[in-house]
Structures are given as C-alpha cells and as structure tokens.
Amino acid sequence: MKRAAVVGTGRLGTALAGALVEAGYPLAGLADADISAARRARRLVRRGTATDDPSRAADKADLVFLCVPDAAIRPVAAALARSDVDWTGKIVFHASGLVPASALGPLRARGASTAAFHPIQSFPGRTQTASSEPFRNIFVGLEGGRRAVAAGSEVARALGARPLSLGGRDKSLYHAACSVASNLLVPLFDLACEALVKAGFPPSRAGNILLPLLEGTLQSVKRLNRPDALTGPIARGDEETVRRHLRALGRIPRAEAVYRLLARQALDLVARKGIRPEARKRIKALLEERRLPPRARARTSP
C-alpha cells in the first residue's frame, strides 16, 4: 500500500488523514505551519509524524495531499519543489475544487505526477477523524495528469467514495454549484430562523423547530426527483399564500429578496411537474412585483 502524507491539518486534512489510515494507507507524516495543529491531528489520527516542515512529511510518502487554502497552493507547491525531496514518481494532489491542477506545475517539473482531488463534502469539525464515514458514497472531483487521476480514483474508491472526472469542465461553475448546495444552505437556514424569531419564537428554539423540516426535505430530495420533492404553496399554485408570505417577509428585506429569487426557481421546477399555466403566470407576476419602501409609499400616497 502506498504511503501517504497530508500537508495542512485543518478540518479536511485531519478528516482525510483519518480516513486514509482506516482505509489501510500508512501515514508517513502530518504537516502544518502551526505545529500545534499538526500535533492535534496526530493525537486524533494516531499515525504519522507531526511536523511544521511539509518537505519532511512528504519525503517518505508516495502520495502527498495538500489540504491548504486555495491561495496557499501555489506558494506551498513552489516551496516543496525547492526542497531536497526527490519528487520522481511521487503523486501530489491538492484538495481545491476551484484551483487547476496546473498550480502544482513546479512539482510536476521535478518529476511528480499531479492532480486536483476535491471531496464533494463538508467537513465542519476535526472530531471523529479515524473514520471513512464522511467520504462514504460521496463524489471526489479529479482533474490533472492521467497517472495522478488514476491514483486519485483508486484512493477515492478505497475511502468508499466515487471518482468524478473534471477534465474539460468549467471548474469555477462546478465549484460554485458545490458552494450553492452546501455553503449557501447555511445562511438560507439562518434566514428562516430569523423569520421564526421575528414571528415571536425564542432564538434558542428556532433552529430546533426547523431542523426536522430541513432533514425531511433533504430526504425527499434524495428519494425523489427534484420536481416531486418540491412541496408547499408554489407546488400547489397557491397564489394567496405566496402573497401573504411576501407581505410578512417585507419586515425582513433580505429574506423577502431571497424568497422572490428562489420562488421563481421553484416555478421553473413545477412547470416540469405540471402546475396549471394560469396559476404559474399569476404567481410569477406576483413575485416580480417590487414593494416600495415605507417612506416611498408615503410620498406617493394621494
């Protein structure tokens, strides 16, 4: 089994190191500019040598994963290429879904095979790291040299994930799609909680009240096609409920703007589902109306 090293022991790096160990990969090293972070990851993973020198971690490894912020990928790759490590035959991955594999060019020039290895998953914490659970049944986006992509596919399958070729794709749009599905779901949920608080519920309970609804919706999305997973007033063609929602959300302008935008997307979904055309047309017109601010309404009143 190839030996692995992880450079960058944040949430992803620590989780990946634990999953690699569980999958049977010997861990040569864990590196981080913050030595305390590397040591914390070592305590959780219980394998490898903790160091603040990436070249030391990479030296004894066959597979090197750079789990560093996007802006650090090129500088770290350049620094590693200047080290005394023999890169011939090594395979180096970075974990960004946005940065091209060409960012690892200095290492490729030193004899390494290089690719992007992007787990399409969120990693909110550093606990439970010695487990492949966060990787099971997810997709891992791969882009780069043929040998490195083949090796990345093998690693993905060993972790219980499914490899996804990104060759020739628009990586910026791909990464934006991932962000909308994951990152932007959190502020959307936060807006829903804000509306519940505005309705008079305690802030400490808002999330707990809405969380089962969110989980049920995600299960519906998982089991059904997207139009059939959509429920609520848009799916029913209920113009009056949409009107009352907009009136209430006028007290939270950002929430109202988001509601209008996403409800128009919902209308496109229900068009595939077979909502009555006249109901869809009326709701669309309602969503495209723009409420005047209170002062502007006062000035225009007779």
C-alpha atoms as a PDB file:
ATOM      1  CA  MET A   1       0.000   0.000   0.000  1.00  0.00           C
ATOM      2  CA  LYS A   2       1.334   3.448  -0.911  1.00  0.00           C
ATOM      3  CA  ARG A   3       2.419   5.692   1.950  1.00  0.00           C
ATOM      4  CA  ALA A   4       0.581   8.994   2.330  1.00  0.00           C
ATOM      5  CA  ALA A   5       1.347  12.411   3.774  1.00  0.00           C
ATOM      6  CA  VAL A   6      -1.053  15.242   4.482  1.00  0.00           C
ATOM      7  CA  VAL A   7       0.072  18.869   4.396  1.00  0.00           C
ATOM      8  CA  GLY A   8      -2.446  21.135   6.110  1.00  0.00           C
ATOM      9  CA  THR A   9      -4.223  19.687   9.146  1.00  0.00           C
ATOM     10  CA  GLY A  10      -7.388  21.734   9.228  1.00  0.00           C
ATOM     11  CA  ARG A  11     -10.831  20.167   9.049  1.00  0.00           C
ATOM     12  CA  LEU A  12     -10.393  18.485   5.653  1.00  0.00           C
ATOM     13  CA  GLY A  13      -6.764  17.479   6.137  1.00  0.00           C
ATOM     14  CA  THR A  14      -7.402  15.875   9.517  1.00  0.00           C
ATOM     15  CA  ALA A  15     -10.518  14.057   8.299  1.00  0.00           C
ATOM     16  CA  LEU A  16      -8.689  12.836   5.193  1.00  0.00           C
ATOM     17  CA  ALA A  17      -5.719  11.613   7.220  1.00  0.00           C
ATOM     18  CA  GLY A  18      -8.016   9.595   9.488  1.00  0.00           C
ATOM     19  CA  ALA A  19      -9.905   8.111   6.541  1.00  0.00           C
ATOM     20  CA  LEU A  20      -6.652   7.169   4.776  1.00  0.00           C
ATOM     21  CA  VAL A  21      -5.463   5.360   7.893  1.00  0.00           C
ATOM     22  CA  GLU A  22      -8.752   3.491   8.204  1.00  0.00           C
ATOM     23  CA  ALA A  23      -8.511   2.510   4.531  1.00  0.00           C
ATOM     24  CA  GLY A  24      -5.102   0.956   5.177  1.00  0.00           C
ATOM     25  CA  TYR A  25      -2.732   3.629   3.887  1.00  0.00           C
ATOM     26  CA  PRO A  26       0.403   4.004   6.048  1.00  0.00           C
ATOM     27  CA  LEU A  27       0.659   7.653   7.117  1.00  0.00           C
ATOM     28  CA  ALA A  28       4.191   8.996   6.765  1.00  0.00           C
ATOM     29  CA  GLY A  29       3.556  12.467   8.112  1.00  0.00           C
ATOM     30  CA  LEU A  30       1.199  15.285   9.069  1.00  0.00           C
ATOM     31  CA  ALA A  31       2.469  18.789   8.370  1.00  0.00           C
ATOM     32  CA  ASP A  32       1.127  22.193   9.258  1.00  0.00           C
ATOM     33  CA  ALA A  33       2.717  25.636   9.615  1.00  0.00           C
ATOM     34  CA  ASP A  34       1.084  25.609  13.050  1.00  0.00           C
ATOM     35  CA  ILE A  35       2.871  22.748  14.782  1.00  0.00           C
ATOM     36  CA  SER A  36       0.163  22.587  17.463  1.00  0.00           C
ATOM     37  CA  ALA A  37      -2.405  21.847  14.731  1.00  0.00           C
ATOM     38  CA  ALA A  38      -0.216  19.061  13.351  1.00  0.00           C
ATOM     39  CA  ARG A  39       0.188  17.588  16.820  1.00  0.00           C
ATOM     40  CA  ARG A  40      -3.543  17.781  17.484  1.00  0.00           C
ATOM     41  CA  ALA A  41      -4.189  15.901  14.225  1.00  0.00           C
ATOM     42  CA  ARG A  42      -1.567  13.319  15.222  1.00  0.00           C
ATOM     43  CA  ARG A  43      -3.357  12.712  18.533  1.00  0.00           C
ATOM     44  CA  LEU A  44      -6.652  12.193  16.720  1.00  0.00           C
ATOM     45  CA  VAL A  45      -5.308  10.035  13.896  1.00  0.00           C
ATOM     46  CA  ARG A  46      -2.701   8.171  15.984  1.00  0.00           C
ATOM     47  CA  ARG A  47      -0.422   7.672  12.995  1.00  0.00           C
ATOM     48  CA  GLY A  48       2.352   9.576  11.241  1.00  0.00           C
ATOM     49  CA  THR A  49       4.875  12.156  12.398  1.00  0.00           C
ATOM     50  CA  ALA A  50       3.690  15.673  13.232  1.00  0.00           C
ATOM     51  CA  THR A  51       5.874  18.426  11.786  1.00  0.00           C
ATOM     52  CA  ASP A  52       5.812  22.044  10.685  1.00  0.00           C
ATOM     53  CA  ASP A  53       8.017  21.170   7.691  1.00  0.00           C
ATOM     54  CA  PRO A  54       5.961  19.962   4.682  1.00  0.00           C
ATOM     55  CA  SER A  55       9.032  18.557   2.949  1.00  0.00           C
ATOM     56  CA  ARG A  56       9.758  16.325   5.943  1.00  0.00           C
ATOM     57  CA  ALA A  57       6.232  14.873   5.784  1.00  0.00           C
ATOM     58  CA  ALA A  58       6.415  14.405   2.009  1.00  0.00           C
ATOM     59  CA  ASP A  59       9.894  12.897   1.871  1.00  0.00           C
ATOM     60  CA  LYS A  60       8.876   9.362   2.898  1.00  0.00           C
ATOM     61  CA  ALA A  61       5.475   9.416   1.170  1.00  0.00           C
ATOM     62  CA  ASP A  62       4.300   8.163  -2.206  1.00  0.00           C
ATOM     63  CA  LEU A  63       1.059  10.171  -2.117  1.00  0.00           C
ATOM     64  CA  VAL A  64       1.090  13.781  -0.888  1.00  0.00           C
ATOM     65  CA  PHE A  65      -2.163  15.653  -0.247  1.00  0.00           C
ATOM     66  CA  LEU A  66      -2.008  19.445   0.019  1.00  0.00           C
ATOM     67  CA  CYS A  67      -5.072  20.366   2.092  1.00  0.00           C
ATOM     68  CA  VAL A  68      -4.198  24.041   2.357  1.00  0.00           C
ATOM     69  CA  PRO A  69      -6.261  27.155   1.500  1.00  0.00           C
ATOM     70  CA  ASP A  70      -6.576  27.875  -2.218  1.00  0.00           C
ATOM     71  CA  ALA A  71      -4.314  30.929  -2.029  1.00  0.00           C
ATOM     72  CA  ALA A  72      -1.564  28.839  -0.420  1.00  0.00           C
ATOM     73  CA  ILE A  73      -1.465  26.039  -3.017  1.00  0.00           C
ATOM     74  CA  ARG A  74       0.959  27.698  -5.425  1.00  0.00           C
ATOM     75  CA  PRO A  75       3.355  29.013  -2.739  1.00  0.00           C
ATOM     76  CA  VAL A  76       3.412  25.671  -0.919  1.00  0.00           C
ATOM     77  CA  ALA A  77       3.972  23.766  -4.176  1.00  0.00           C
ATOM     78  CA  ALA A  78       6.810  26.125  -5.131  1.00  0.00           C
ATOM     79  CA  ALA A  79       8.431  25.773  -1.704  1.00  0.00           C
ATOM     80  CA  LEU A  80       8.185  21.977  -1.830  1.00  0.00           C
ATOM     81  CA  ALA A  81       9.710  21.964  -5.327  1.00  0.00           C
ATOM     82  CA  ARG A  82      12.722  23.909  -3.989  1.00  0.00           C
ATOM     83  CA  SER A  83      13.291  21.369  -1.196  1.00  0.00           C
ATOM     84  CA  ASP A  84      15.746  18.463  -1.317  1.00  0.00           C
ATOM     85  CA  VAL A  85      12.937  15.904  -1.661  1.00  0.00           C
ATOM     86  CA  ASP A  86      13.225  13.603  -4.678  1.00  0.00           C
ATOM     87  CA  TRP A  87       9.823  14.052  -6.336  1.00  0.00           C
ATOM     88  CA  THR A  88      10.395  11.480  -9.069  1.00  0.00           C
ATOM     89  CA  GLY A  89       7.468   9.054  -9.097  1.00  0.00           C
ATOM     90  CA  LYS A  90       5.573  10.754  -6.261  1.00  0.00           C
ATOM     91  CA  ILE A  91       1.941  11.727  -6.755  1.00  0.00           C
ATOM     92  CA  VAL A  92       0.848  15.098  -5.387  1.00  0.00           C
ATOM     93  CA  PHE A  93      -2.751  16.232  -5.025  1.00  0.00           C
ATOM     94  CA  HIS A  94      -4.262  19.497  -3.939  1.00  0.00           C
ATOM     95  CA  ALA A  95      -7.772  19.425  -2.481  1.00  0.00           C
ATOM     96  CA  SER A  96      -9.288  22.500  -4.129  1.00  0.00           C
ATOM     97  CA  GLY A  97     -12.336  22.244  -6.370  1.00  0.00           C
ATOM     98  CA  LEU A  98     -11.529  25.587  -7.974  1.00  0.00           C
ATOM     99  CA  VAL A  99      -7.756  25.817  -8.491  1.00  0.00           C
ATOM    100  CA  PRO A 100      -6.484  23.922 -11.562  1.00  0.00           C
ATOM    101  CA  ALA A 101      -4.025  21.070 -11.185  1.00  0.00           C
ATOM    102  CA  SER A 102      -1.539  23.189 -13.144  1.00  0.00           C
ATOM    103  CA  ALA A 103      -0.941  25.116  -9.891  1.00  0.00           C
ATOM    104  CA  LEU A 104       1.259  22.155  -8.943  1.00  0.00           C
ATOM    105  CA  GLY A 105       3.448  22.760 -12.007  1.00  0.00           C
ATOM    106  CA  PRO A 106       6.724  23.251 -10.075  1.00  0.00           C
ATOM    107  CA  LEU A 107       6.348  19.778  -8.566  1.00  0.00           C
ATOM    108  CA  ARG A 108       5.470  18.259 -11.917  1.00  0.00           C
ATOM    109  CA  ALA A 109       8.666  19.817 -13.293  1.00  0.00           C
ATOM    110  CA  ARG A 110      10.558  17.960 -10.538  1.00  0.00           C
ATOM    111  CA  GLY A 111       9.127  14.606 -11.622  1.00  0.00           C
ATOM    112  CA  ALA A 112       5.876  14.318  -9.655  1.00  0.00           C
ATOM    113  CA  SER A 113       2.524  13.400 -11.133  1.00  0.00           C
ATOM    114  CA  THR A 114      -0.101  15.950 -10.095  1.00  0.00           C
ATOM    115  CA  ALA A 115      -3.879  16.316  -9.870  1.00  0.00           C
ATOM    116  CA  ALA A 116      -6.708  18.009  -8.004  1.00  0.00           C
ATOM    117  CA  PHE A 117      -8.502  15.723  -5.526  1.00  0.00           C
ATOM    118  CA  HIS A 118     -11.671  17.500  -4.363  1.00  0.00           C
ATOM    119  CA  PRO A 119     -14.036  15.655  -1.975  1.00  0.00           C
ATOM    120  CA  ILE A 120     -17.555  16.970  -2.604  1.00  0.00           C
ATOM    121  CA  GLN A 121     -18.423  17.040   1.074  1.00  0.00           C
ATOM    122  CA  SER A 122     -18.423  19.477   4.006  1.00  0.00           C
ATOM    123  CA  PHE A 123     -16.076  18.941   6.946  1.00  0.00           C
ATOM    124  CA  PRO A 124     -17.327  21.059   9.854  1.00  0.00           C
ATOM    125  CA  GLY A 125     -15.079  19.700  12.625  1.00  0.00           C
ATOM    126  CA  ARG A 126     -11.914  17.794  13.492  1.00  0.00           C
ATOM    127  CA  THR A 127     -13.563  15.089  15.607  1.00  0.00           C
ATOM    128  CA  GLN A 128     -14.344  11.543  14.531  1.00  0.00           C
ATOM    129  CA  THR A 129     -11.406  11.676  12.137  1.00  0.00           C
ATOM    130  CA  ALA A 130     -10.402   7.998  12.181  1.00  0.00           C
ATOM    131  CA  SER A 131     -13.346   7.103  10.003  1.00  0.00           C
ATOM    132  CA  SER A 132     -14.121   6.993   6.302  1.00  0.00           C
ATOM    133  CA  GLU A 133     -17.756   7.908   7.071  1.00  0.00           C
ATOM    134  CA  PRO A 134     -17.553  11.487   5.678  1.00  0.00           C
ATOM    135  CA  PHE A 135     -16.226  10.055   2.397  1.00  0.00           C
ATOM    136  CA  ARG A 136     -18.593   7.127   2.005  1.00  0.00           C
ATOM    137  CA  ASN A 137     -20.752   7.387  -1.140  1.00  0.00           C
ATOM    138  CA  ILE A 138     -19.675  10.952  -1.918  1.00  0.00           C
ATOM    139  CA  PHE A 139     -18.041  12.028  -5.178  1.00  0.00           C
ATOM    140  CA  VAL A 140     -14.424  13.142  -5.430  1.00  0.00           C
ATOM    141  CA  GLY A 141     -13.677  15.548  -8.280  1.00  0.00           C
ATOM    142  CA  LEU A 142     -10.426  14.705 -10.085  1.00  0.00           C
ATOM    143  CA  GLU A 143      -8.523  16.781 -12.640  1.00  0.00           C
ATOM    144  CA  GLY A 144      -4.916  16.620 -13.787  1.00  0.00           C
ATOM    145  CA  GLY A 145      -2.371  14.188 -15.201  1.00  0.00           C
ATOM    146  CA  ARG A 146      -3.508  10.728 -16.242  1.00  0.00           C
ATOM    147  CA  ARG A 147      -1.352   8.813 -13.746  1.00  0.00           C
ATOM    148  CA  ALA A 148      -2.330  11.054 -10.836  1.00  0.00           C
ATOM    149  CA  VAL A 149      -6.036  10.935 -11.719  1.00  0.00           C
ATOM    150  CA  ALA A 150      -5.873   7.125 -11.874  1.00  0.00           C
ATOM    151  CA  ALA A 151      -4.188   7.055  -8.450  1.00  0.00           C
ATOM    152  CA  GLY A 152      -6.742   9.540  -7.083  1.00  0.00           C
ATOM    153  CA  SER A 153      -9.556   7.325  -8.372  1.00  0.00           C
ATOM    154  CA  GLU A 154      -8.037   4.371  -6.545  1.00  0.00           C
ATOM    155  CA  VAL A 155      -7.808   6.371  -3.304  1.00  0.00           C
ATOM    156  CA  ALA A 156     -11.386   7.626  -3.667  1.00  0.00           C
ATOM    157  CA  ARG A 157     -12.706   4.082  -4.054  1.00  0.00           C
ATOM    158  CA  ALA A 158     -10.644   2.905  -1.070  1.00  0.00           C
ATOM    159  CA  LEU A 159     -12.356   5.603   1.012  1.00  0.00           C
ATOM    160  CA  GLY A 160     -15.779   4.418  -0.176  1.00  0.00           C
ATOM    161  CA  ALA A 161     -16.217   7.414  -2.498  1.00  0.00           C
ATOM    162  CA  ARG A 162     -16.854   7.648  -6.227  1.00  0.00           C
ATOM    163  CA  PRO A 163     -14.358   9.325  -8.562  1.00  0.00           C
ATOM    164  CA  LEU A 164     -15.693  12.111 -10.799  1.00  0.00           C
ATOM    165  CA  SER A 165     -13.678  13.326 -13.781  1.00  0.00           C
ATOM    166  CA  LEU A 166     -13.456  17.126 -14.021  1.00  0.00           C
ATOM    167  CA  GLY A 167     -11.308  17.117 -17.147  1.00  0.00           C
ATOM    168  CA  GLY A 168     -12.527  19.738 -19.593  1.00  0.00           C
ATOM    169  CA  ARG A 169     -15.198  21.038 -17.207  1.00  0.00           C
ATOM    170  CA  ASP A 170     -15.748  24.627 -16.108  1.00  0.00           C
ATOM    171  CA  LYS A 171     -14.245  24.270 -12.637  1.00  0.00           C
ATOM    172  CA  SER A 172     -15.396  27.700 -11.471  1.00  0.00           C
ATOM    173  CA  LEU A 173     -19.010  26.822 -12.271  1.00  0.00           C
ATOM    174  CA  TYR A 174     -18.574  23.329 -10.812  1.00  0.00           C
ATOM    175  CA  HIS A 175     -17.237  24.791  -7.575  1.00  0.00           C
ATOM    176  CA  ALA A 176     -19.967  27.444  -7.444  1.00  0.00           C
ATOM    177  CA  ALA A 177     -22.562  24.662  -7.741  1.00  0.00           C
ATOM    178  CA  CYS A 178     -20.991  22.876  -4.786  1.00  0.00           C
ATOM    179  CA  SER A 179     -20.994  26.110  -2.777  1.00  0.00           C
ATOM    180  CA  VAL A 180     -24.651  26.845  -3.524  1.00  0.00           C
ATOM    181  CA  ALA A 181     -25.671  23.320  -2.493  1.00  0.00           C
ATOM    182  CA  SER A 182     -23.637  23.327   0.717  1.00  0.00           C
ATOM    183  CA  ASN A 183     -22.276  26.670   1.907  1.00  0.00           C
ATOM    184  CA  LEU A 184     -25.284  28.795   0.975  1.00  0.00           C
ATOM    185  CA  LEU A 185     -27.721  26.346   2.550  1.00  0.00           C
ATOM    186  CA  VAL A 186     -26.477  27.507   5.955  1.00  0.00           C
ATOM    187  CA  PRO A 187     -27.323  31.229   5.542  1.00  0.00           C
ATOM    188  CA  LEU A 188     -30.631  30.216   3.945  1.00  0.00           C
ATOM    189  CA  PHE A 189     -31.441  28.209   7.081  1.00  0.00           C
ATOM    190  CA  ASP A 190     -30.289  31.165   9.168  1.00  0.00           C
ATOM    191  CA  LEU A 191     -32.720  33.464   7.319  1.00  0.00           C
ATOM    192  CA  ALA A 192     -35.540  31.004   8.041  1.00  0.00           C
ATOM    193  CA  CYS A 193     -34.568  31.024  11.722  1.00  0.00           C
ATOM    194  CA  GLU A 194     -34.517  34.839  11.689  1.00  0.00           C
ATOM    195  CA  ALA A 195     -38.077  34.885  10.321  1.00  0.00           C
ATOM    196  CA  LEU A 196     -39.208  32.472  13.051  1.00  0.00           C
ATOM    197  CA  VAL A 197     -37.659  34.709  15.718  1.00  0.00           C
ATOM    198  CA  LYS A 198     -39.400  37.709  14.139  1.00  0.00           C
ATOM    199  CA  ALA A 199     -42.646  35.755  14.470  1.00  0.00           C
ATOM    200  CA  GLY A 200     -42.090  35.603  18.244  1.00  0.00           C
ATOM    201  CA  PHE A 201     -40.242  32.332  18.861  1.00  0.00           C
ATOM    202  CA  PRO A 202     -37.153  32.266  21.128  1.00  0.00           C
ATOM    203  CA  PRO A 203     -33.843  32.382  19.202  1.00  0.00           C
ATOM    204  CA  SER A 204     -32.655  29.357  21.181  1.00  0.00           C
ATOM    205  CA  ARG A 205     -35.512  27.232  19.766  1.00  0.00           C
ATOM    206  CA  ALA A 206     -35.716  28.448  16.163  1.00  0.00           C
ATOM    207  CA  GLY A 207     -33.132  26.067  14.741  1.00  0.00           C
ATOM    208  CA  ASN A 208     -34.509  23.062  16.622  1.00  0.00           C
ATOM    209  CA  ILE A 209     -38.019  23.794  15.380  1.00  0.00           C
ATOM    210  CA  LEU A 210     -36.971  23.981  11.721  1.00  0.00           C
ATOM    211  CA  LEU A 211     -34.257  21.314  11.649  1.00  0.00           C
ATOM    212  CA  PRO A 212     -36.575  18.266  11.301  1.00  0.00           C
ATOM    213  CA  LEU A 213     -38.287  20.016   8.385  1.00  0.00           C
ATOM    214  CA  LEU A 214     -34.921  20.612   6.706  1.00  0.00           C
ATOM    215  CA  GLU A 215     -33.864  16.999   7.275  1.00  0.00           C
ATOM    216  CA  GLY A 216     -37.166  15.704   5.873  1.00  0.00           C
ATOM    217  CA  THR A 217     -36.768  17.866   2.785  1.00  0.00           C
ATOM    218  CA  LEU A 218     -33.244  16.572   2.192  1.00  0.00           C
ATOM    219  CA  GLN A 219     -34.547  13.011   2.460  1.00  0.00           C
ATOM    220  CA  SER A 220     -37.220  13.827  -0.140  1.00  0.00           C
ATOM    221  CA  VAL A 221     -34.594  15.287  -2.471  1.00  0.00           C
ATOM    222  CA  LYS A 222     -32.582  12.100  -2.013  1.00  0.00           C
ATOM    223  CA  ARG A 223     -35.506   9.752  -2.746  1.00  0.00           C
ATOM    224  CA  LEU A 224     -37.425  11.676  -5.407  1.00  0.00           C
ATOM    225  CA  ASN A 225     -36.711  13.729  -8.493  1.00  0.00           C
ATOM    226  CA  ARG A 226     -36.465  17.441  -7.780  1.00  0.00           C
ATOM    227  CA  PRO A 227     -39.931  18.494  -9.025  1.00  0.00           C
ATOM    228  CA  ASP A 228     -41.629  15.764  -6.950  1.00  0.00           C
ATOM    229  CA  ALA A 229     -39.582  16.705  -3.883  1.00  0.00           C
ATOM    230  CA  LEU A 230     -40.955  20.255  -4.015  1.00  0.00           C
ATOM    231  CA  THR A 231     -43.954  20.873  -1.746  1.00  0.00           C
ATOM    232  CA  GLY A 232     -45.689  23.979  -0.430  1.00  0.00           C
ATOM    233  CA  PRO A 233     -47.621  26.882  -1.969  1.00  0.00           C
ATOM    234  CA  ILE A 234     -45.604  27.129  -5.203  1.00  0.00           C
ATOM    235  CA  ALA A 235     -46.110  23.420  -5.903  1.00  0.00           C
ATOM    236  CA  ARG A 236     -49.847  23.835  -5.205  1.00  0.00           C
ATOM    237  CA  GLY A 237     -50.219  27.002  -7.248  1.00  0.00           C
ATOM    238  CA  ASP A 238     -51.449  28.810  -4.123  1.00  0.00           C
ATOM    239  CA  GLU A 239     -51.182  32.477  -5.079  1.00  0.00           C
ATOM    240  CA  GLU A 240     -52.776  33.842  -1.908  1.00  0.00           C
ATOM    241  CA  THR A 241     -50.297  32.085   0.405  1.00  0.00           C
ATOM    242  CA  VAL A 242     -47.369  33.416  -1.643  1.00  0.00           C
ATOM    243  CA  ARG A 243     -48.880  36.909  -1.382  1.00  0.00           C
ATOM    244  CA  ARG A 244     -49.140  36.625   2.416  1.00  0.00           C
ATOM    245  CA  HIS A 245     -45.581  35.297   2.662  1.00  0.00           C
ATOM    246  CA  LEU A 246     -44.261  38.289   0.716  1.00  0.00           C
ATOM    247  CA  ARG A 247     -46.231  40.706   2.872  1.00  0.00           C
ATOM    248  CA  ALA A 248     -44.846  39.142   6.071  1.00  0.00           C
ATOM    249  CA  LEU A 249     -41.281  38.924   4.783  1.00  0.00           C
ATOM    250  CA  GLY A 250     -41.359  42.626   3.951  1.00  0.00           C
ATOM    251  CA  ARG A 251     -40.258  43.032   7.583  1.00  0.00           C
ATOM    252  CA  ILE A 252     -37.001  41.204   6.690  1.00  0.00           C
ATOM    253  CA  PRO A 253     -35.944  42.670   3.310  1.00  0.00           C
ATOM    254  CA  ARG A 254     -33.112  40.207   2.696  1.00  0.00           C
ATOM    255  CA  ALA A 255     -35.402  37.266   3.360  1.00  0.00           C
ATOM    256  CA  GLU A 256     -38.020  38.715   1.026  1.00  0.00           C
ATOM    257  CA  ALA A 257     -35.437  39.126  -1.758  1.00  0.00           C
ATOM    258  CA  VAL A 258     -34.229  35.547  -1.309  1.00  0.00           C
ATOM    259  CA  TYR A 259     -37.821  34.259  -1.231  1.00  0.00           C
ATOM    260  CA  ARG A 260     -38.622  36.012  -4.537  1.00  0.00           C
ATOM    261  CA  LEU A 261     -35.492  34.631  -6.216  1.00  0.00           C
ATOM    262  CA  LEU A 262     -35.879  31.035  -5.038  1.00  0.00           C
ATOM    263  CA  ALA A 263     -39.637  31.004  -5.604  1.00  0.00           C
ATOM    264  CA  ARG A 264     -39.029  31.865  -9.266  1.00  0.00           C
ATOM    265  CA  GLN A 265     -36.684  28.881  -9.460  1.00  0.00           C
ATOM    266  CA  ALA A 266     -39.414  26.792  -7.810  1.00  0.00           C
ATOM    267  CA  LEU A 267     -41.826  27.919 -10.535  1.00  0.00           C
ATOM    268  CA  ASP A 268     -39.452  26.503 -13.138  1.00  0.00           C
ATOM    269  CA  LEU A 269     -39.483  23.222 -11.239  1.00  0.00           C
ATOM    270  CA  VAL A 270     -43.253  22.997 -11.001  1.00  0.00           C
ATOM    271  CA  ALA A 271     -43.564  23.770 -14.705  1.00  0.00           C
ATOM    272  CA  ARG A 272     -41.959  20.371 -15.233  1.00  0.00           C
ATOM    273  CA  LYS A 273     -44.378  18.905 -12.690  1.00  0.00           C
ATOM    274  CA  GLY A 274     -47.484  20.181 -14.432  1.00  0.00           C
ATOM    275  CA  ILE A 275     -48.777  23.152 -12.417  1.00  0.00           C
ATOM    276  CA  ARG A 276     -51.680  24.942 -14.129  1.00  0.00           C
ATOM    277  CA  PRO A 277     -50.200  27.532 -16.536  1.00  0.00           C
ATOM    278  CA  GLU A 278     -52.568  30.276 -15.378  1.00  0.00           C
ATOM    279  CA  ALA A 279     -51.613  29.771 -11.718  1.00  0.00           C
ATOM    280  CA  ARG A 280     -47.932  29.782 -12.596  1.00  0.00           C
ATOM    281  CA  LYS A 281     -48.365  33.002 -14.579  1.00  0.00           C
ATOM    282  CA  ARG A 282     -50.143  34.772 -11.708  1.00  0.00           C
ATOM    283  CA  ILE A 283     -47.554  33.708  -9.132  1.00  0.00           C
ATOM    284  CA  LYS A 284     -44.713  34.760 -11.435  1.00  0.00           C
ATOM    285  CA  ALA A 285     -46.259  38.225 -11.822  1.00  0.00           C
ATOM    286  CA  LEU A 286     -46.649  38.458  -8.049  1.00  0.00           C
ATOM    287  CA  LEU A 287     -43.017  37.513  -7.462  1.00  0.00           C
ATOM    288  CA  GLU A 288     -41.800  40.056  -9.987  1.00  0.00           C
ATOM    289  CA  GLU A 289     -43.633  42.924  -8.277  1.00  0.00           C
ATOM    290  CA  ARG A 290     -41.384  45.220  -6.282  1.00  0.00           C
ATOM    291  CA  ARG A 291     -42.603  46.591  -2.965  1.00  0.00           C
ATOM    292  CA  LEU A 292     -41.819  50.249  -2.360  1.00  0.00           C
ATOM    293  CA  PRO A 293     -40.034  51.125   0.884  1.00  0.00           C
ATOM    294  CA  PRO A 294     -42.447  52.543   3.525  1.00  0.00           C
ATOM    295  CA  ARG A 295     -41.276  56.170   3.066  1.00  0.00           C
ATOM    296  CA  ALA A 296     -41.570  55.942  -0.721  1.00  0.00           C
ATOM    297  CA  ARG A 297     -45.112  54.593  -0.350  1.00  0.00           C
ATOM    298  CA  ALA A 298     -45.966  57.506   1.918  1.00  0.00           C
ATOM    299  CA  ARG A 299     -44.647  60.053  -0.592  1.00  0.00           C
ATOM    300  CA  THR A 300     -46.642  58.527  -3.448  1.00  0.00           C
ATOM    301  CA  SER A 301     -49.900  58.256  -1.467  1.00  0.00           C
ATOM    302  CA  PRO A 302     -52.619  60.754  -2.502  1.00  0.00           C
END
